[in-house]
Structure formats: structure tokens, C-alpha cells
Amino acid sequence: MKIYIKNMACESCKVVVKEALEELNLNPVKIELGEAVIKEEITTEKKKKLNAIINKVGLEIIESKGGVLIEKIKNYCQEYINIDKPVKVNLSDFLTEKLDLDYNYLSNAFSEVTSSTIIHYTNLLKMEKAKEMILFEEYNFSEIASKLNFSSLSAFSTQFKKVTGYSPTHFKNLKEKRRKAIQELNEDLKKKNQ
């Protein structure tokens, strides 16, 4: 049986889900971002317990098909920006290929549920990735812009300032640098749309 899970954004989320399933004597076959496959059917009672356990770390079981699609889009957007080499395909083609659905359909569904665009969400993810790269000082700004598939350093800097309120240089010099977890980005989207 497949269980869809909202807000899974990293390897540690997979570990949390695996441990929660095992705690409930459920046998995970495969755990991916956004979903877990178990050998058996899950009872309503165990599903509630699983949801309570994973909810403590910001994860949540998704019941609706629309919710599942939105989580898949979010996970693929994250995969897209985390590709470690220059991407030769644009985001819309990437999502269309991964989900085997028309991008206009995906875009409309995403906007309908989140009141935000896929591009806006992806830009938020990119800026969090940029903050991480700046904090770890592995790359200069031009390299960060290139790794995040911006057409130029200027385009990257403009987008960074638009999203964070700071230029990349100013952010680098801040004493308290704050990154957001994926769950916080999702909460910000919800608040913006209320």
C-alpha cells in the first residue's frame, strides 16, 4: 500500500517516516520523498497514529488526489534545483516529463491549491539553496548563480533581494543568517494566501 506524505523534503524525513512505520509494526518496502510503500494495508487507527507521530516534525499524511499531485510537484521542484550540474531542460519540461502531465494542467492545479505559482515556489527553494551556499562559503556569487541556473549574476542578485530583502553580499555579512526549512516555506505560502 502507498501512503502519501506532505512536507517530506530531505533524507532525515525518510528516516522519521521509516522509524514511525516500524514503531507501528508496519513494514516499509520503499520510502521516497512524498511517499512510503508498505507491505500491508493500514488500518484507520494506525493511520491516525502514524499521522500523530510524523506530525510532530511537520509531516502529514495526504488523503486527496489534488494534495498528492501538489506534493509531487513540490518534490520535483526541489529535485530540479538540487541537480548538481547545469540543467539543460527548463522547469516546465522537467515537470511534464516527470509527472507525464501537461504543464498548464500542473500549473493551474498548483495555483488553485496553493494560490501561488510553481515558478514562485521554485524561486523560494532556490533562494534557500543560495542561502545555504552562501553560509557554507563553498562558492562565489557567480558560481551560485550558475549552479541555480540563473542567466546571470545580476538576475540572481535581483531575485535574491526580491525574496530575502537583502543583496547576496549584505546577507553574507549578516551576523544572524536565517534559513527556512521546506515546511516553513509551505507555511509561508499558506499564510500569504489566506
C-alpha atoms as a PDB file:
ATOM      1  CA  MET A   1       0.000   0.000   0.000  1.00  0.00           C
ATOM      2  CA  LYS A   2       1.208   3.503  -0.819  1.00  0.00           C
ATOM      3  CA  ILE A   3       0.932   6.315   1.742  1.00  0.00           C
ATOM      4  CA  TYR A   4       1.413   9.903   0.557  1.00  0.00           C
ATOM      5  CA  ILE A   5       3.130  12.272   2.970  1.00  0.00           C
ATOM      6  CA  LYS A   6       3.207  16.059   2.845  1.00  0.00           C
ATOM      7  CA  ASN A   7       6.326  18.166   3.543  1.00  0.00           C
ATOM      8  CA  MET A   8       8.928  15.419   3.126  1.00  0.00           C
ATOM      9  CA  ALA A   9      11.947  17.381   1.995  1.00  0.00           C
ATOM     10  CA  CYS A  10      15.110  15.531   2.934  1.00  0.00           C
ATOM     11  CA  GLU A  11      16.741  12.263   3.886  1.00  0.00           C
ATOM     12  CA  SER A  12      16.037  12.803   7.582  1.00  0.00           C
ATOM     13  CA  CYS A  13      12.296  12.952   6.768  1.00  0.00           C
ATOM     14  CA  LYS A  14      12.616   9.492   5.239  1.00  0.00           C
ATOM     15  CA  VAL A  15      14.258   8.221   8.429  1.00  0.00           C
ATOM     16  CA  VAL A  16      11.467   9.688  10.588  1.00  0.00           C
ATOM     17  CA  VAL A  17       8.796   8.030   8.434  1.00  0.00           C
ATOM     18  CA  LYS A  18      10.634   4.699   8.416  1.00  0.00           C
ATOM     19  CA  GLU A  19      11.012   4.729  12.200  1.00  0.00           C
ATOM     20  CA  ALA A  20       7.348   5.706  12.680  1.00  0.00           C
ATOM     21  CA  LEU A  21       6.189   2.879  10.421  1.00  0.00           C
ATOM     22  CA  GLU A  22       8.378   0.362  12.225  1.00  0.00           C
ATOM     23  CA  GLU A  23       7.140   1.629  15.608  1.00  0.00           C
ATOM     24  CA  LEU A  24       3.609   0.748  14.449  1.00  0.00           C
ATOM     25  CA  ASN A  25       4.753  -2.689  13.202  1.00  0.00           C
ATOM     26  CA  LEU A  26       4.235  -1.692   9.593  1.00  0.00           C
ATOM     27  CA  ASN A  27       6.782  -2.975   7.088  1.00  0.00           C
ATOM     28  CA  PRO A  28       8.175  -0.303   4.758  1.00  0.00           C
ATOM     29  CA  VAL A  29       9.138  -1.574   1.319  1.00  0.00           C
ATOM     30  CA  LYS A  30      10.260   1.763  -0.112  1.00  0.00           C
ATOM     31  CA  ILE A  31      10.354   5.332   1.176  1.00  0.00           C
ATOM     32  CA  GLU A  32      10.736   8.245  -1.232  1.00  0.00           C
ATOM     33  CA  LEU A  33      10.196  11.960  -0.805  1.00  0.00           C
ATOM     34  CA  GLY A  34       6.437  12.361  -0.502  1.00  0.00           C
ATOM     35  CA  GLU A  35       5.507   8.688  -0.236  1.00  0.00           C
ATOM     36  CA  ALA A  36       6.038   5.436   1.597  1.00  0.00           C
ATOM     37  CA  VAL A  37       5.157   1.963   0.359  1.00  0.00           C
ATOM     38  CA  ILE A  38       4.307  -0.654   2.958  1.00  0.00           C
ATOM     39  CA  LYS A  39       3.603  -4.381   2.588  1.00  0.00           C
ATOM     40  CA  GLU A  40       0.241  -4.414   4.312  1.00  0.00           C
ATOM     41  CA  GLU A  41      -2.941  -2.366   4.293  1.00  0.00           C
ATOM     42  CA  ILE A  42      -3.024   0.248   7.020  1.00  0.00           C
ATOM     43  CA  THR A  43      -5.976   0.474   9.386  1.00  0.00           C
ATOM     44  CA  THR A  44      -7.647   3.803  10.090  1.00  0.00           C
ATOM     45  CA  GLU A  45      -6.405   3.622  13.671  1.00  0.00           C
ATOM     46  CA  LYS A  46      -2.775   3.018  12.639  1.00  0.00           C
ATOM     47  CA  LYS A  47      -3.035   5.770  10.025  1.00  0.00           C
ATOM     48  CA  LYS A  48      -4.122   8.217  12.755  1.00  0.00           C
ATOM     49  CA  LYS A  49      -1.245   7.092  14.993  1.00  0.00           C
ATOM     50  CA  LEU A  50       1.241   7.387  12.128  1.00  0.00           C
ATOM     51  CA  ASN A  51      -0.033  10.865  11.327  1.00  0.00           C
ATOM     52  CA  ALA A  52       0.284  11.887  15.006  1.00  0.00           C
ATOM     53  CA  ILE A  53       3.891  10.648  15.149  1.00  0.00           C
ATOM     54  CA  ILE A  54       5.073  12.284  11.925  1.00  0.00           C
ATOM     55  CA  ASN A  55       3.089  15.458  12.593  1.00  0.00           C
ATOM     56  CA  LYS A  56       5.489  16.234  15.457  1.00  0.00           C
ATOM     57  CA  VAL A  57       8.153  17.043  12.844  1.00  0.00           C
ATOM     58  CA  GLY A  58       5.855  18.856  10.403  1.00  0.00           C
ATOM     59  CA  LEU A  59       4.917  15.908   8.184  1.00  0.00           C
ATOM     60  CA  GLU A  60       1.345  14.917   7.389  1.00  0.00           C
ATOM     61  CA  ILE A  61      -0.460  12.125   5.565  1.00  0.00           C
ATOM     62  CA  ILE A  62      -2.264  13.358   2.442  1.00  0.00           C
ATOM     63  CA  GLU A  63      -5.638  11.907   1.549  1.00  0.00           C
ATOM     64  CA  SER A  64      -6.773  13.894  -1.504  1.00  0.00           C
ATOM     65  CA  LYS A  65      -5.506  13.267  -5.041  1.00  0.00           C
ATOM     66  CA  GLY A  66      -5.012  17.009  -5.527  1.00  0.00           C
ATOM     67  CA  GLY A  67      -2.861  17.162  -2.411  1.00  0.00           C
ATOM     68  CA  VAL A  68      -0.787  14.244  -3.659  1.00  0.00           C
ATOM     69  CA  LEU A  69      -0.183  15.967  -7.006  1.00  0.00           C
ATOM     70  CA  ILE A  70       0.852  19.220  -5.307  1.00  0.00           C
ATOM     71  CA  GLU A  71       3.341  17.365  -3.093  1.00  0.00           C
ATOM     72  CA  LYS A  72       4.771  15.590  -6.136  1.00  0.00           C
ATOM     73  CA  ILE A  73       5.191  18.936  -7.893  1.00  0.00           C
ATOM     74  CA  LYS A  74       6.943  20.383  -4.818  1.00  0.00           C
ATOM     75  CA  ASN A  75       9.246  17.375  -4.533  1.00  0.00           C
ATOM     76  CA  TYR A  76      10.188  17.525  -8.219  1.00  0.00           C
ATOM     77  CA  CYS A  77      10.801  21.278  -7.962  1.00  0.00           C
ATOM     78  CA  GLN A  78      13.211  20.524  -5.140  1.00  0.00           C
ATOM     79  CA  GLU A  79      14.860  17.761  -7.169  1.00  0.00           C
ATOM     80  CA  TYR A  80      15.189  20.182 -10.093  1.00  0.00           C
ATOM     81  CA  ILE A  81      17.085  22.798  -8.097  1.00  0.00           C
ATOM     82  CA  ASN A  82      19.272  20.198  -6.374  1.00  0.00           C
ATOM     83  CA  ILE A  83      20.611  18.708  -9.606  1.00  0.00           C
ATOM     84  CA  ASP A  84      24.368  19.147  -9.248  1.00  0.00           C
ATOM     85  CA  LYS A  85      25.099  20.049 -12.849  1.00  0.00           C
ATOM     86  CA  PRO A  86      23.691  22.712 -15.167  1.00  0.00           C
ATOM     87  CA  VAL A  87      20.184  21.709 -16.163  1.00  0.00           C
ATOM     88  CA  LYS A  88      19.644  21.585 -19.901  1.00  0.00           C
ATOM     89  CA  VAL A  89      15.860  21.350 -19.638  1.00  0.00           C
ATOM     90  CA  ASN A  90      13.579  24.063 -18.299  1.00  0.00           C
ATOM     91  CA  LEU A  91      11.388  23.505 -15.233  1.00  0.00           C
ATOM     92  CA  SER A  92       8.126  23.144 -17.166  1.00  0.00           C
ATOM     93  CA  ASP A  93       9.571  20.416 -19.407  1.00  0.00           C
ATOM     94  CA  PHE A  94      11.171  18.728 -16.390  1.00  0.00           C
ATOM     95  CA  LEU A  95       7.843  18.575 -14.521  1.00  0.00           C
ATOM     96  CA  THR A  96       5.941  17.474 -17.624  1.00  0.00           C
ATOM     97  CA  GLU A  97       8.400  14.633 -18.158  1.00  0.00           C
ATOM     98  CA  LYS A  98       8.439  13.533 -14.504  1.00  0.00           C
ATOM     99  CA  LEU A  99       4.672  13.637 -13.987  1.00  0.00           C
ATOM    100  CA  ASP A 100       3.549  12.797 -17.533  1.00  0.00           C
ATOM    101  CA  LEU A 101       1.011  15.618 -17.415  1.00  0.00           C
ATOM    102  CA  ASP A 102       0.665  18.870 -19.352  1.00  0.00           C
ATOM    103  CA  TYR A 103       2.457  21.765 -17.655  1.00  0.00           C
ATOM    104  CA  ASN A 104      -0.582  24.057 -17.952  1.00  0.00           C
ATOM    105  CA  TYR A 105      -2.620  21.482 -16.034  1.00  0.00           C
ATOM    106  CA  LEU A 106       0.106  21.185 -13.377  1.00  0.00           C
ATOM    107  CA  SER A 107       0.467  24.955 -13.121  1.00  0.00           C
ATOM    108  CA  ASN A 108      -3.280  25.526 -12.777  1.00  0.00           C
ATOM    109  CA  ALA A 109      -3.661  22.755 -10.188  1.00  0.00           C
ATOM    110  CA  PHE A 110      -0.724  24.100  -8.164  1.00  0.00           C
ATOM    111  CA  SER A 111      -2.026  27.676  -8.259  1.00  0.00           C
ATOM    112  CA  GLU A 112      -5.540  26.579  -7.371  1.00  0.00           C
ATOM    113  CA  VAL A 113      -4.416  24.741  -4.237  1.00  0.00           C
ATOM    114  CA  THR A 114      -1.550  26.999  -3.074  1.00  0.00           C
ATOM    115  CA  SER A 115      -2.606  30.373  -4.563  1.00  0.00           C
ATOM    116  CA  SER A 116       0.992  30.628  -5.749  1.00  0.00           C
ATOM    117  CA  THR A 117       2.776  29.709  -8.945  1.00  0.00           C
ATOM    118  CA  ILE A 118       5.211  26.860  -9.453  1.00  0.00           C
ATOM    119  CA  ILE A 119       7.824  29.415 -10.513  1.00  0.00           C
ATOM    120  CA  HIS A 120       7.357  31.434  -7.319  1.00  0.00           C
ATOM    121  CA  TYR A 121       7.670  28.288  -5.190  1.00  0.00           C
ATOM    122  CA  THR A 122      10.775  27.175  -7.092  1.00  0.00           C
ATOM    123  CA  ASN A 123      12.336  30.620  -6.641  1.00  0.00           C
ATOM    124  CA  LEU A 124      11.762  30.348  -2.877  1.00  0.00           C
ATOM    125  CA  LEU A 125      13.523  26.980  -2.915  1.00  0.00           C
ATOM    126  CA  LYS A 126      16.372  28.408  -4.982  1.00  0.00           C
ATOM    127  CA  MET A 127      16.870  31.264  -2.545  1.00  0.00           C
ATOM    128  CA  GLU A 128      17.035  28.865   0.406  1.00  0.00           C
ATOM    129  CA  LYS A 129      19.605  26.832  -1.513  1.00  0.00           C
ATOM    130  CA  ALA A 130      21.506  30.053  -2.276  1.00  0.00           C
ATOM    131  CA  LYS A 131      21.487  30.994   1.423  1.00  0.00           C
ATOM    132  CA  GLU A 132      22.928  27.581   2.233  1.00  0.00           C
ATOM    133  CA  MET A 133      25.679  28.004  -0.353  1.00  0.00           C
ATOM    134  CA  ILE A 134      26.487  31.485   0.958  1.00  0.00           C
ATOM    135  CA  LEU A 135      26.603  30.249   4.564  1.00  0.00           C
ATOM    136  CA  PHE A 136      28.974  27.402   3.745  1.00  0.00           C
ATOM    137  CA  GLU A 137      31.108  29.714   1.582  1.00  0.00           C
ATOM    138  CA  GLU A 138      31.852  26.949  -0.914  1.00  0.00           C
ATOM    139  CA  TYR A 139      31.064  29.074  -3.962  1.00  0.00           C
ATOM    140  CA  ASN A 140      31.278  32.706  -5.001  1.00  0.00           C
ATOM    141  CA  PHE A 141      28.113  34.502  -6.126  1.00  0.00           C
ATOM    142  CA  SER A 142      28.722  33.867  -9.840  1.00  0.00           C
ATOM    143  CA  GLU A 143      29.108  30.141  -9.194  1.00  0.00           C
ATOM    144  CA  ILE A 144      25.933  30.102  -7.088  1.00  0.00           C
ATOM    145  CA  ALA A 145      24.032  31.897  -9.862  1.00  0.00           C
ATOM    146  CA  SER A 146      25.283  29.343 -12.372  1.00  0.00           C
ATOM    147  CA  LYS A 147      24.516  26.323 -10.140  1.00  0.00           C
ATOM    148  CA  LEU A 148      20.967  27.601  -9.639  1.00  0.00           C
ATOM    149  CA  ASN A 149      20.502  28.126 -13.389  1.00  0.00           C
ATOM    150  CA  PHE A 150      20.191  31.899 -13.387  1.00  0.00           C
ATOM    151  CA  SER A 151      21.063  33.545 -16.688  1.00  0.00           C
ATOM    152  CA  SER A 152      23.453  35.963 -14.973  1.00  0.00           C
ATOM    153  CA  LEU A 153      24.789  37.131 -11.634  1.00  0.00           C
ATOM    154  CA  SER A 154      22.570  40.194 -11.982  1.00  0.00           C
ATOM    155  CA  ALA A 155      19.423  38.058 -12.405  1.00  0.00           C
ATOM    156  CA  PHE A 156      20.408  36.003  -9.351  1.00  0.00           C
ATOM    157  CA  SER A 157      21.120  39.106  -7.237  1.00  0.00           C
ATOM    158  CA  THR A 158      17.817  40.718  -8.227  1.00  0.00           C
ATOM    159  CA  GLN A 159      15.840  37.594  -7.344  1.00  0.00           C
ATOM    160  CA  PHE A 160      17.760  37.103  -4.085  1.00  0.00           C
ATOM    161  CA  LYS A 161      16.985  40.651  -2.970  1.00  0.00           C
ATOM    162  CA  LYS A 162      13.347  40.349  -4.042  1.00  0.00           C
ATOM    163  CA  VAL A 163      12.844  37.193  -1.945  1.00  0.00           C
ATOM    164  CA  THR A 164      15.070  37.890   1.075  1.00  0.00           C
ATOM    165  CA  GLY A 165      15.123  41.681   1.230  1.00  0.00           C
ATOM    166  CA  TYR A 166      18.937  41.631   1.145  1.00  0.00           C
ATOM    167  CA  SER A 167      21.569  41.653  -1.527  1.00  0.00           C
ATOM    168  CA  PRO A 168      23.699  38.474  -1.503  1.00  0.00           C
ATOM    169  CA  THR A 169      26.661  40.498  -0.151  1.00  0.00           C
ATOM    170  CA  HIS A 170      24.584  42.025   2.646  1.00  0.00           C
ATOM    171  CA  PHE A 171      23.208  38.587   3.554  1.00  0.00           C
ATOM    172  CA  LYS A 172      26.736  37.155   3.650  1.00  0.00           C
ATOM    173  CA  ASN A 173      27.772  39.882   6.113  1.00  0.00           C
ATOM    174  CA  LEU A 174      24.792  39.469   8.460  1.00  0.00           C
ATOM    175  CA  LYS A 175      25.657  38.219  11.939  1.00  0.00           C
ATOM    176  CA  GLU A 176      22.487  36.142  12.201  1.00  0.00           C
ATOM    177  CA  LYS A 177      21.786  34.339   8.971  1.00  0.00           C
ATOM    178  CA  ARG A 178      18.433  32.623   8.813  1.00  0.00           C
ATOM    179  CA  ARG A 179      17.446  29.839   6.509  1.00  0.00           C
ATOM    180  CA  LYS A 180      13.978  28.362   6.298  1.00  0.00           C
ATOM    181  CA  ALA A 181      13.038  24.712   6.310  1.00  0.00           C
ATOM    182  CA  ILE A 182      10.828  23.466   3.475  1.00  0.00           C
ATOM    183  CA  GLN A 183       7.952  23.182   5.962  1.00  0.00           C
ATOM    184  CA  GLU A 184       8.348  26.883   6.786  1.00  0.00           C
ATOM    185  CA  LEU A 185       8.230  27.785   3.077  1.00  0.00           C
ATOM    186  CA  ASN A 186       4.999  25.813   2.751  1.00  0.00           C
ATOM    187  CA  GLU A 187       3.560  27.580   5.822  1.00  0.00           C
ATOM    188  CA  ASP A 188       4.554  30.970   4.366  1.00  0.00           C
ATOM    189  CA  LEU A 189       2.671  30.088   1.172  1.00  0.00           C
ATOM    190  CA  LYS A 190      -0.415  29.178   3.206  1.00  0.00           C
ATOM    191  CA  LYS A 191      -0.290  32.413   5.229  1.00  0.00           C
ATOM    192  CA  LYS A 192       0.225  34.525   2.114  1.00  0.00           C
ATOM    193  CA  ASN A 193      -2.861  33.017   0.548  1.00  0.00           C
ATOM    194  CA  GLN A 194      -5.270  33.390   3.477  1.00  0.00           C
END
